[in-house]
Amino acid sequence: MYALNKPAGVVSTAKDPQGRPTVVALVGGPLRLYPVGRLDADTTGLILLTNDGDLAHRLTHPKFEVDKTYRAVVRNPPVRAETLDMLRAGVELEDGRTAPARVVRLKPDTLEITIHEGRKRQVKRMCEHVGHRVVSLQRIRYGPLALGELALGRYRRLNEREVSLLRSAGRGKPKAL
């Protein structure tokens, strides 16, 4: 299993019919790897790659509630306390209400948002819903694993301890759907 700091413009797939660069191509090598979840092409940050389907399922299926943390720079600063409270309570999107998020304002225009659902473009849609369109988005943590100092476009193989932590991430027993 690998951790990659995905650059903008790279797609989160194994192959791309449009010929765009992929996260799998950045790692290369003889193993057949698949991305764990997705990041939009313009979103940067931590993405995991694995050939372990069971682990990928555990990390991505909503019933396991594995946290993912993002750093979002938004328009229309400052983000006010009332807005943070709305995000923390969950917001109503076109595909339903989001689960409550953990949100910290780092700067007037920068938020750290932790969610466990992972709907398509969820963080961007949540921020836009409360009047703060996302300018840049970076995933900085997936479950217990932090991006840390891994340079943009670089990857590293995870050690056994890190993989073990990922295997136990989220809810021990999945909640009923």
N, C-alpha and C. Protein backbone atom coordinates (compact mmCIF):
# COMPACT_ATOMS: atom_id res chain seq x y z
N MET A 1 0.85 -1.17 0.00
CA MET A 1 0.00 0.00 0.00
C MET A 1 0.89 1.23 0.00
N TYR A 2 0.41 2.26 -0.73
CA TYR A 2 1.18 3.49 -0.89
C TYR A 2 0.36 4.70 -0.51
N ALA A 3 1.04 5.74 -0.03
CA ALA A 3 0.48 7.06 0.17
C ALA A 3 1.10 7.96 -0.90
N LEU A 4 0.27 8.75 -1.55
CA LEU A 4 0.70 9.66 -2.61
C LEU A 4 0.17 11.05 -2.31
N ASN A 5 0.99 12.06 -2.53
CA ASN A 5 0.53 13.45 -2.45
C ASN A 5 0.15 13.86 -3.87
N LYS A 6 -1.14 13.74 -4.18
CA LYS A 6 -1.65 13.95 -5.53
C LYS A 6 -1.58 15.42 -5.92
N PRO A 7 -0.94 15.70 -7.06
CA PRO A 7 -0.95 17.07 -7.58
C PRO A 7 -2.25 17.38 -8.31
N ALA A 8 -2.54 18.65 -8.51
CA ALA A 8 -3.68 19.06 -9.33
C ALA A 8 -3.44 18.59 -10.76
N GLY A 9 -4.52 18.26 -11.46
CA GLY A 9 -4.42 17.84 -12.85
C GLY A 9 -4.23 16.35 -13.04
N VAL A 10 -4.04 15.63 -11.95
CA VAL A 10 -3.89 14.18 -11.99
C VAL A 10 -5.22 13.57 -11.56
N VAL A 11 -5.70 12.56 -12.32
CA VAL A 11 -6.99 11.96 -11.99
C VAL A 11 -6.81 10.75 -11.09
N SER A 12 -7.82 10.51 -10.27
CA SER A 12 -7.78 9.44 -9.25
C SER A 12 -8.34 8.14 -9.81
N THR A 13 -7.73 7.64 -10.86
CA THR A 13 -8.14 6.39 -11.48
C THR A 13 -6.90 5.59 -11.84
N ALA A 14 -7.13 4.33 -12.18
CA ALA A 14 -6.01 3.49 -12.61
C ALA A 14 -5.66 3.79 -14.07
N LYS A 15 -6.69 4.02 -14.90
CA LYS A 15 -6.50 4.35 -16.32
C LYS A 15 -7.46 5.46 -16.68
N ASP A 16 -7.08 6.30 -17.64
CA ASP A 16 -7.96 7.38 -18.07
C ASP A 16 -8.12 7.34 -19.58
N PRO A 17 -9.34 7.15 -20.08
CA PRO A 17 -9.56 7.08 -21.52
C PRO A 17 -9.21 8.39 -22.24
N GLN A 18 -9.18 9.50 -21.49
CA GLN A 18 -8.82 10.79 -22.10
C GLN A 18 -7.32 11.04 -22.10
N GLY A 19 -6.56 10.09 -21.56
CA GLY A 19 -5.10 10.21 -21.59
C GLY A 19 -4.50 11.14 -20.56
N ARG A 20 -5.28 11.55 -19.56
CA ARG A 20 -4.74 12.41 -18.51
C ARG A 20 -3.85 11.59 -17.58
N PRO A 21 -2.91 12.24 -16.91
CA PRO A 21 -2.06 11.51 -15.96
C PRO A 21 -2.91 10.97 -14.80
N THR A 22 -2.55 9.77 -14.32
CA THR A 22 -3.29 9.11 -13.25
C THR A 22 -2.42 8.92 -12.01
N VAL A 23 -3.09 8.76 -10.87
CA VAL A 23 -2.36 8.52 -9.63
C VAL A 23 -1.58 7.21 -9.71
N VAL A 24 -2.13 6.21 -10.37
CA VAL A 24 -1.45 4.91 -10.48
C VAL A 24 -0.18 5.05 -11.31
N ALA A 25 -0.24 5.84 -12.38
CA ALA A 25 0.95 6.03 -13.22
C ALA A 25 2.07 6.75 -12.46
N LEU A 26 1.70 7.61 -11.51
CA LEU A 26 2.73 8.31 -10.73
C LEU A 26 3.54 7.33 -9.88
N VAL A 27 2.89 6.28 -9.40
CA VAL A 27 3.59 5.29 -8.58
C VAL A 27 4.32 4.28 -9.47
N GLY A 28 3.66 3.85 -10.53
CA GLY A 28 4.29 2.90 -11.45
C GLY A 28 4.61 1.58 -10.78
N GLY A 29 5.52 0.82 -11.37
CA GLY A 29 5.95 -0.44 -10.79
C GLY A 29 5.12 -1.62 -11.26
N PRO A 30 5.49 -2.81 -10.81
CA PRO A 30 4.85 -4.03 -11.31
C PRO A 30 3.50 -4.36 -10.64
N LEU A 31 3.22 -3.79 -9.47
CA LEU A 31 1.98 -4.11 -8.78
C LEU A 31 0.79 -3.47 -9.48
N ARG A 32 -0.33 -4.19 -9.46
CA ARG A 32 -1.58 -3.63 -9.99
C ARG A 32 -2.28 -2.91 -8.84
N LEU A 33 -2.19 -1.60 -8.84
CA LEU A 33 -2.71 -0.78 -7.75
C LEU A 33 -3.99 -0.07 -8.17
N TYR A 34 -4.81 0.23 -7.15
CA TYR A 34 -6.04 0.97 -7.36
C TYR A 34 -6.13 2.07 -6.32
N PRO A 35 -6.66 3.24 -6.71
CA PRO A 35 -6.82 4.30 -5.73
C PRO A 35 -7.92 3.95 -4.73
N VAL A 36 -7.72 4.35 -3.48
CA VAL A 36 -8.71 4.18 -2.43
C VAL A 36 -9.53 5.46 -2.41
N GLY A 37 -10.73 5.42 -2.96
CA GLY A 37 -11.55 6.61 -3.08
C GLY A 37 -11.04 7.51 -4.18
N ARG A 38 -11.54 8.73 -4.19
CA ARG A 38 -11.19 9.67 -5.25
C ARG A 38 -10.97 11.06 -4.69
N LEU A 39 -10.20 11.81 -5.45
CA LEU A 39 -10.07 13.25 -5.26
C LEU A 39 -10.34 13.88 -6.61
N ASP A 40 -11.04 15.01 -6.64
CA ASP A 40 -11.25 15.72 -7.90
C ASP A 40 -9.91 16.02 -8.55
N ALA A 41 -9.92 16.20 -9.86
CA ALA A 41 -8.68 16.47 -10.59
C ALA A 41 -7.96 17.70 -10.04
N ASP A 42 -8.71 18.72 -9.60
CA ASP A 42 -8.07 19.94 -9.10
C ASP A 42 -7.76 19.90 -7.61
N THR A 43 -8.17 18.84 -6.91
CA THR A 43 -7.88 18.70 -5.48
C THR A 43 -6.54 18.00 -5.30
N THR A 44 -5.76 18.48 -4.37
CA THR A 44 -4.44 17.90 -4.10
C THR A 44 -4.49 17.11 -2.79
N GLY A 45 -3.39 16.42 -2.50
CA GLY A 45 -3.25 15.82 -1.20
C GLY A 45 -3.23 14.32 -1.16
N LEU A 46 -3.47 13.81 0.03
CA LEU A 46 -3.27 12.40 0.34
C LEU A 46 -4.30 11.50 -0.35
N ILE A 47 -3.78 10.57 -1.14
CA ILE A 47 -4.60 9.50 -1.69
C ILE A 47 -3.82 8.21 -1.48
N LEU A 48 -4.54 7.17 -1.14
CA LEU A 48 -3.93 5.87 -0.90
C LEU A 48 -4.11 5.00 -2.13
N LEU A 49 -3.13 4.14 -2.39
CA LEU A 49 -3.22 3.17 -3.48
C LEU A 49 -2.92 1.80 -2.92
N THR A 50 -3.72 0.81 -3.34
CA THR A 50 -3.57 -0.53 -2.80
C THR A 50 -3.98 -1.57 -3.82
N ASN A 51 -3.60 -2.81 -3.55
CA ASN A 51 -4.12 -3.95 -4.31
C ASN A 51 -4.96 -4.84 -3.38
N ASP A 52 -5.30 -4.34 -2.19
CA ASP A 52 -6.08 -5.06 -1.20
C ASP A 52 -7.53 -4.57 -1.26
N GLY A 53 -8.38 -5.31 -1.95
CA GLY A 53 -9.77 -4.90 -2.14
C GLY A 53 -10.55 -4.81 -0.85
N ASP A 54 -10.31 -5.72 0.10
CA ASP A 54 -11.02 -5.69 1.37
C ASP A 54 -10.69 -4.43 2.16
N LEU A 55 -9.42 -4.06 2.17
CA LEU A 55 -9.02 -2.86 2.89
C LEU A 55 -9.58 -1.61 2.19
N ALA A 56 -9.52 -1.59 0.88
CA ALA A 56 -10.09 -0.45 0.14
C ALA A 56 -11.57 -0.29 0.46
N HIS A 57 -12.29 -1.40 0.52
CA HIS A 57 -13.72 -1.37 0.84
C HIS A 57 -13.94 -0.80 2.24
N ARG A 58 -13.16 -1.26 3.19
CA ARG A 58 -13.30 -0.78 4.58
C ARG A 58 -13.03 0.72 4.67
N LEU A 59 -12.06 1.20 3.92
CA LEU A 59 -11.68 2.60 4.00
C LEU A 59 -12.66 3.53 3.28
N THR A 60 -13.39 3.00 2.30
CA THR A 60 -14.25 3.86 1.50
C THR A 60 -15.74 3.72 1.78
N HIS A 61 -16.19 2.59 2.28
CA HIS A 61 -17.63 2.40 2.46
C HIS A 61 -18.14 3.28 3.61
N PRO A 62 -19.22 4.03 3.37
CA PRO A 62 -19.72 4.96 4.40
C PRO A 62 -20.08 4.29 5.72
N LYS A 63 -20.44 3.02 5.71
CA LYS A 63 -20.86 2.38 6.96
C LYS A 63 -19.73 2.28 7.98
N PHE A 64 -18.47 2.37 7.53
CA PHE A 64 -17.34 2.29 8.46
C PHE A 64 -16.93 3.65 9.01
N GLU A 65 -17.46 4.73 8.44
CA GLU A 65 -17.24 6.08 8.94
C GLU A 65 -15.76 6.42 9.19
N VAL A 66 -14.94 6.19 8.18
CA VAL A 66 -13.52 6.54 8.28
C VAL A 66 -13.38 8.04 8.00
N ASP A 67 -12.76 8.76 8.92
CA ASP A 67 -12.60 10.20 8.78
C ASP A 67 -11.61 10.55 7.68
N LYS A 68 -11.91 11.65 6.99
CA LYS A 68 -11.02 12.24 6.00
C LYS A 68 -10.99 13.73 6.31
N THR A 69 -9.79 14.29 6.39
CA THR A 69 -9.63 15.70 6.76
C THR A 69 -9.06 16.48 5.59
N TYR A 70 -9.67 17.64 5.35
CA TYR A 70 -9.30 18.50 4.22
C TYR A 70 -8.96 19.89 4.72
N ARG A 71 -8.06 20.56 4.01
CA ARG A 71 -7.77 21.97 4.24
C ARG A 71 -8.34 22.72 3.04
N ALA A 72 -9.30 23.61 3.31
CA ALA A 72 -9.98 24.35 2.24
C ALA A 72 -9.70 25.84 2.38
N VAL A 73 -9.24 26.45 1.29
CA VAL A 73 -9.14 27.90 1.21
C VAL A 73 -10.38 28.35 0.45
N VAL A 74 -11.10 29.32 1.04
CA VAL A 74 -12.40 29.70 0.50
C VAL A 74 -12.47 31.20 0.16
N ARG A 75 -13.44 31.53 -0.67
CA ARG A 75 -13.70 32.93 -1.01
C ARG A 75 -14.58 33.56 0.06
N ASN A 76 -14.69 34.87 0.00
CA ASN A 76 -15.56 35.67 0.88
C ASN A 76 -15.20 35.56 2.36
N PRO A 77 -13.90 35.69 2.69
CA PRO A 77 -13.58 35.67 4.11
C PRO A 77 -14.11 36.92 4.79
N PRO A 78 -14.22 36.90 6.09
CA PRO A 78 -13.90 35.78 6.97
C PRO A 78 -15.07 34.79 7.06
N VAL A 79 -14.74 33.55 7.38
CA VAL A 79 -15.77 32.55 7.67
C VAL A 79 -16.19 32.79 9.12
N ARG A 80 -17.43 33.14 9.30
CA ARG A 80 -17.94 33.54 10.61
C ARG A 80 -18.32 32.34 11.48
N ALA A 81 -18.43 32.56 12.77
CA ALA A 81 -18.75 31.50 13.73
C ALA A 81 -20.08 30.83 13.39
N GLU A 82 -21.07 31.60 12.94
CA GLU A 82 -22.38 31.03 12.60
C GLU A 82 -22.25 30.04 11.43
N THR A 83 -21.38 30.38 10.49
CA THR A 83 -21.15 29.52 9.33
C THR A 83 -20.47 28.22 9.76
N LEU A 84 -19.50 28.34 10.65
CA LEU A 84 -18.84 27.13 11.18
C LEU A 84 -19.86 26.24 11.88
N ASP A 85 -20.76 26.84 12.63
CA ASP A 85 -21.80 26.07 13.32
C ASP A 85 -22.71 25.35 12.34
N MET A 86 -23.03 25.99 11.22
CA MET A 86 -23.87 25.34 10.20
C MET A 86 -23.16 24.10 9.64
N LEU A 87 -21.88 24.23 9.33
CA LEU A 87 -21.12 23.09 8.81
C LEU A 87 -21.02 21.99 9.85
N ARG A 88 -20.82 22.37 11.09
CA ARG A 88 -20.71 21.39 12.18
C ARG A 88 -22.01 20.63 12.41
N ALA A 89 -23.14 21.27 12.13
CA ALA A 89 -24.44 20.62 12.32
C ALA A 89 -24.82 19.74 11.12
N GLY A 90 -24.18 19.95 9.98
CA GLY A 90 -24.57 19.29 8.75
C GLY A 90 -25.43 20.23 7.93
N VAL A 91 -25.29 20.19 6.63
CA VAL A 91 -26.05 21.08 5.75
C VAL A 91 -26.87 20.26 4.77
N GLU A 92 -27.93 20.87 4.29
CA GLU A 92 -28.84 20.20 3.35
C GLU A 92 -28.32 20.43 1.93
N LEU A 93 -27.91 19.35 1.26
CA LEU A 93 -27.48 19.41 -0.13
C LEU A 93 -28.54 18.74 -1.00
N GLU A 94 -28.39 18.83 -2.30
CA GLU A 94 -29.40 18.26 -3.20
C GLU A 94 -29.51 16.74 -3.06
N ASP A 95 -28.49 16.07 -2.56
CA ASP A 95 -28.56 14.62 -2.35
C ASP A 95 -28.78 14.25 -0.88
N GLY A 96 -29.27 15.21 -0.09
CA GLY A 96 -29.60 14.94 1.30
C GLY A 96 -28.71 15.70 2.28
N ARG A 97 -29.06 15.61 3.53
CA ARG A 97 -28.33 16.30 4.59
C ARG A 97 -27.00 15.58 4.86
N THR A 98 -25.96 16.37 5.05
CA THR A 98 -24.66 15.79 5.37
C THR A 98 -24.61 15.46 6.86
N ALA A 99 -23.78 14.52 7.19
CA ALA A 99 -23.50 14.25 8.60
C ALA A 99 -22.75 15.46 9.17
N PRO A 100 -22.83 15.67 10.47
CA PRO A 100 -22.05 16.76 11.07
C PRO A 100 -20.56 16.61 10.75
N ALA A 101 -19.93 17.76 10.51
CA ALA A 101 -18.49 17.79 10.22
C ALA A 101 -17.76 18.41 11.41
N ARG A 102 -16.51 18.04 11.57
CA ARG A 102 -15.65 18.75 12.50
C ARG A 102 -14.97 19.85 11.69
N VAL A 103 -15.07 21.08 12.16
CA VAL A 103 -14.56 22.22 11.40
C VAL A 103 -13.77 23.14 12.33
N VAL A 104 -12.57 23.52 11.86
CA VAL A 104 -11.72 24.47 12.58
C VAL A 104 -11.34 25.57 11.60
N ARG A 105 -11.48 26.82 12.01
CA ARG A 105 -11.03 27.94 11.18
C ARG A 105 -9.56 28.19 11.51
N LEU A 106 -8.69 28.02 10.54
CA LEU A 106 -7.26 28.23 10.73
C LEU A 106 -6.86 29.68 10.46
N LYS A 107 -7.50 30.29 9.46
CA LYS A 107 -7.30 31.68 9.08
C LYS A 107 -8.67 32.19 8.64
N PRO A 108 -8.81 33.49 8.40
CA PRO A 108 -10.12 33.99 7.97
C PRO A 108 -10.66 33.28 6.73
N ASP A 109 -9.77 32.80 5.86
CA ASP A 109 -10.21 32.15 4.62
C ASP A 109 -9.82 30.67 4.53
N THR A 110 -9.39 30.06 5.63
CA THR A 110 -8.89 28.69 5.59
C THR A 110 -9.55 27.85 6.67
N LEU A 111 -10.13 26.73 6.24
CA LEU A 111 -10.81 25.82 7.15
C LEU A 111 -10.16 24.45 7.11
N GLU A 112 -10.22 23.75 8.22
CA GLU A 112 -9.88 22.34 8.27
C GLU A 112 -11.19 21.61 8.56
N ILE A 113 -11.59 20.75 7.62
CA ILE A 113 -12.89 20.09 7.68
C ILE A 113 -12.69 18.59 7.68
N THR A 114 -13.28 17.91 8.67
CA THR A 114 -13.22 16.45 8.76
C THR A 114 -14.62 15.90 8.57
N ILE A 115 -14.73 14.99 7.58
CA ILE A 115 -15.99 14.32 7.28
C ILE A 115 -15.74 12.82 7.22
N HIS A 116 -16.80 12.04 7.24
CA HIS A 116 -16.61 10.59 7.08
C HIS A 116 -17.46 10.02 5.95
N GLU A 117 -18.26 10.85 5.31
CA GLU A 117 -19.13 10.34 4.25
C GLU A 117 -18.42 10.18 2.91
N GLY A 118 -17.85 11.25 2.40
CA GLY A 118 -17.14 11.19 1.13
C GLY A 118 -18.03 11.17 -0.09
N ARG A 119 -19.12 11.95 -0.08
CA ARG A 119 -19.95 12.08 -1.28
C ARG A 119 -19.18 12.86 -2.34
N LYS A 120 -19.62 12.77 -3.56
CA LYS A 120 -18.96 13.44 -4.67
C LYS A 120 -18.90 14.95 -4.41
N ARG A 121 -17.68 15.50 -4.44
CA ARG A 121 -17.42 16.93 -4.27
C ARG A 121 -18.04 17.48 -2.98
N GLN A 122 -18.12 16.66 -1.94
CA GLN A 122 -18.87 17.01 -0.73
C GLN A 122 -18.36 18.27 -0.05
N VAL A 123 -17.07 18.36 0.21
CA VAL A 123 -16.54 19.52 0.94
C VAL A 123 -16.78 20.79 0.13
N LYS A 124 -16.56 20.74 -1.17
CA LYS A 124 -16.79 21.92 -2.02
C LYS A 124 -18.26 22.32 -1.98
N ARG A 125 -19.15 21.35 -2.06
CA ARG A 125 -20.59 21.66 -2.06
C ARG A 125 -21.04 22.19 -0.70
N MET A 126 -20.49 21.65 0.37
CA MET A 126 -20.84 22.13 1.71
C MET A 126 -20.42 23.60 1.87
N CYS A 127 -19.21 23.90 1.47
CA CYS A 127 -18.71 25.28 1.62
C CYS A 127 -19.50 26.24 0.73
N GLU A 128 -19.79 25.81 -0.49
CA GLU A 128 -20.56 26.67 -1.38
C GLU A 128 -21.96 26.91 -0.81
N HIS A 129 -22.54 25.90 -0.21
CA HIS A 129 -23.88 26.02 0.39
C HIS A 129 -23.92 27.12 1.45
N VAL A 130 -22.83 27.30 2.17
CA VAL A 130 -22.80 28.32 3.23
C VAL A 130 -22.15 29.63 2.76
N GLY A 131 -21.99 29.78 1.43
CA GLY A 131 -21.54 31.05 0.88
C GLY A 131 -20.04 31.23 0.74
N HIS A 132 -19.29 30.14 0.75
CA HIS A 132 -17.83 30.24 0.66
C HIS A 132 -17.31 29.23 -0.37
N ARG A 133 -17.28 29.65 -1.62
CA ARG A 133 -16.78 28.78 -2.69
C ARG A 133 -15.31 28.43 -2.42
N VAL A 134 -14.96 27.16 -2.65
CA VAL A 134 -13.59 26.69 -2.40
C VAL A 134 -12.66 27.15 -3.52
N VAL A 135 -11.55 27.75 -3.12
CA VAL A 135 -10.51 28.18 -4.06
C VAL A 135 -9.50 27.06 -4.25
N SER A 136 -9.11 26.42 -3.16
CA SER A 136 -8.20 25.27 -3.23
C SER A 136 -8.55 24.29 -2.12
N LEU A 137 -8.36 23.01 -2.43
CA LEU A 137 -8.71 21.95 -1.49
C LEU A 137 -7.60 20.91 -1.47
N GLN A 138 -7.20 20.54 -0.27
CA GLN A 138 -6.15 19.54 -0.08
C GLN A 138 -6.59 18.57 1.00
N ARG A 139 -6.50 17.25 0.69
CA ARG A 139 -6.76 16.26 1.75
C ARG A 139 -5.46 16.08 2.51
N ILE A 140 -5.54 16.26 3.83
CA ILE A 140 -4.33 16.19 4.66
C ILE A 140 -4.30 14.97 5.57
N ARG A 141 -5.43 14.24 5.64
CA ARG A 141 -5.47 13.06 6.50
C ARG A 141 -6.52 12.10 5.97
N TYR A 142 -6.20 10.81 6.04
CA TYR A 142 -7.15 9.74 5.71
C TYR A 142 -7.12 8.78 6.89
N GLY A 143 -8.20 8.76 7.67
CA GLY A 143 -8.20 7.94 8.89
C GLY A 143 -7.06 8.38 9.78
N PRO A 144 -6.25 7.43 10.25
CA PRO A 144 -5.15 7.75 11.15
C PRO A 144 -3.88 8.24 10.43
N LEU A 145 -3.90 8.24 9.11
CA LEU A 145 -2.70 8.55 8.34
C LEU A 145 -2.69 10.00 7.87
N ALA A 146 -1.65 10.75 8.24
CA ALA A 146 -1.51 12.15 7.84
C ALA A 146 -0.59 12.28 6.64
N LEU A 147 -0.84 13.29 5.82
CA LEU A 147 0.00 13.57 4.66
C LEU A 147 1.42 13.91 5.10
N GLY A 148 1.54 14.68 6.16
CA GLY A 148 2.86 15.04 6.68
C GLY A 148 3.68 15.83 5.69
N GLU A 149 4.94 15.51 5.59
CA GLU A 149 5.88 16.26 4.77
C GLU A 149 6.08 15.67 3.37
N LEU A 150 5.23 14.73 2.97
CA LEU A 150 5.36 14.11 1.65
C LEU A 150 5.19 15.19 0.58
N ALA A 151 6.19 15.34 -0.27
CA ALA A 151 6.18 16.40 -1.28
C ALA A 151 5.13 16.13 -2.35
N LEU A 152 4.64 17.19 -2.95
CA LEU A 152 3.64 17.10 -4.01
C LEU A 152 4.17 16.23 -5.15
N GLY A 153 3.36 15.24 -5.55
CA GLY A 153 3.75 14.34 -6.64
C GLY A 153 4.60 13.16 -6.19
N ARG A 154 4.95 13.11 -4.93
CA ARG A 154 5.78 12.02 -4.40
C ARG A 154 4.91 10.98 -3.70
N TYR A 155 5.46 9.81 -3.54
CA TYR A 155 4.74 8.74 -2.87
C TYR A 155 5.71 7.97 -1.98
N ARG A 156 5.12 7.19 -1.08
CA ARG A 156 5.94 6.31 -0.24
C ARG A 156 5.13 5.08 0.09
N ARG A 157 5.84 3.99 0.30
CA ARG A 157 5.20 2.74 0.71
C ARG A 157 4.88 2.84 2.20
N LEU A 158 3.70 2.40 2.59
CA LEU A 158 3.33 2.41 3.99
C LEU A 158 3.97 1.23 4.72
N ASN A 159 4.32 1.44 5.98
CA ASN A 159 4.89 0.33 6.75
C ASN A 159 3.76 -0.52 7.36
N GLU A 160 4.12 -1.64 7.94
CA GLU A 160 3.13 -2.57 8.48
C GLU A 160 2.27 -1.93 9.57
N ARG A 161 2.86 -1.11 10.40
CA ARG A 161 2.10 -0.44 11.47
C ARG A 161 1.05 0.48 10.88
N GLU A 162 1.42 1.25 9.86
CA GLU A 162 0.46 2.17 9.23
C GLU A 162 -0.69 1.41 8.58
N VAL A 163 -0.38 0.31 7.90
CA VAL A 163 -1.43 -0.50 7.27
C VAL A 163 -2.35 -1.08 8.35
N SER A 164 -1.76 -1.53 9.45
CA SER A 164 -2.55 -2.07 10.55
C SER A 164 -3.48 -1.01 11.12
N LEU A 165 -2.99 0.21 11.28
CA LEU A 165 -3.83 1.31 11.76
C LEU A 165 -4.98 1.59 10.79
N LEU A 166 -4.69 1.54 9.50
CA LEU A 166 -5.74 1.75 8.50
C LEU A 166 -6.79 0.64 8.56
N ARG A 167 -6.34 -0.59 8.79
CA ARG A 167 -7.28 -1.72 8.88
C ARG A 167 -8.26 -1.55 10.04
N SER A 168 -7.85 -0.84 11.09
CA SER A 168 -8.73 -0.67 12.24
C SER A 168 -9.36 0.71 12.28
N ALA A 169 -9.23 1.48 11.19
CA ALA A 169 -9.78 2.85 11.15
C ALA A 169 -11.30 2.81 11.11
N GLY A 170 -11.89 3.88 11.59
CA GLY A 170 -13.34 4.02 11.53
C GLY A 170 -14.03 3.22 12.61
N ARG A 171 -15.26 2.91 12.37
CA ARG A 171 -16.07 2.15 13.31
C ARG A 171 -15.67 0.69 13.31
N GLY A 172 -15.51 0.11 14.51
CA GLY A 172 -15.20 -1.32 14.62
C GLY A 172 -16.28 -2.19 14.04
N LYS A 173 -17.52 -1.85 14.35
CA LYS A 173 -18.66 -2.57 13.79
C LYS A 173 -19.41 -1.59 12.90
N PRO A 174 -19.66 -1.95 11.68
CA PRO A 174 -20.36 -1.02 10.82
C PRO A 174 -21.77 -0.75 11.32
N LYS A 175 -22.19 0.51 11.15
CA LYS A 175 -23.56 0.83 11.56
C LYS A 175 -24.52 0.31 10.49
N ALA A 176 -25.71 0.03 10.89
CA ALA A 176 -26.72 -0.47 9.95
C ALA A 176 -27.07 0.64 8.97
N LEU A 177 -27.21 0.28 7.71
CA LEU A 177 -27.57 1.28 6.69
C LEU A 177 -29.05 1.43 6.59
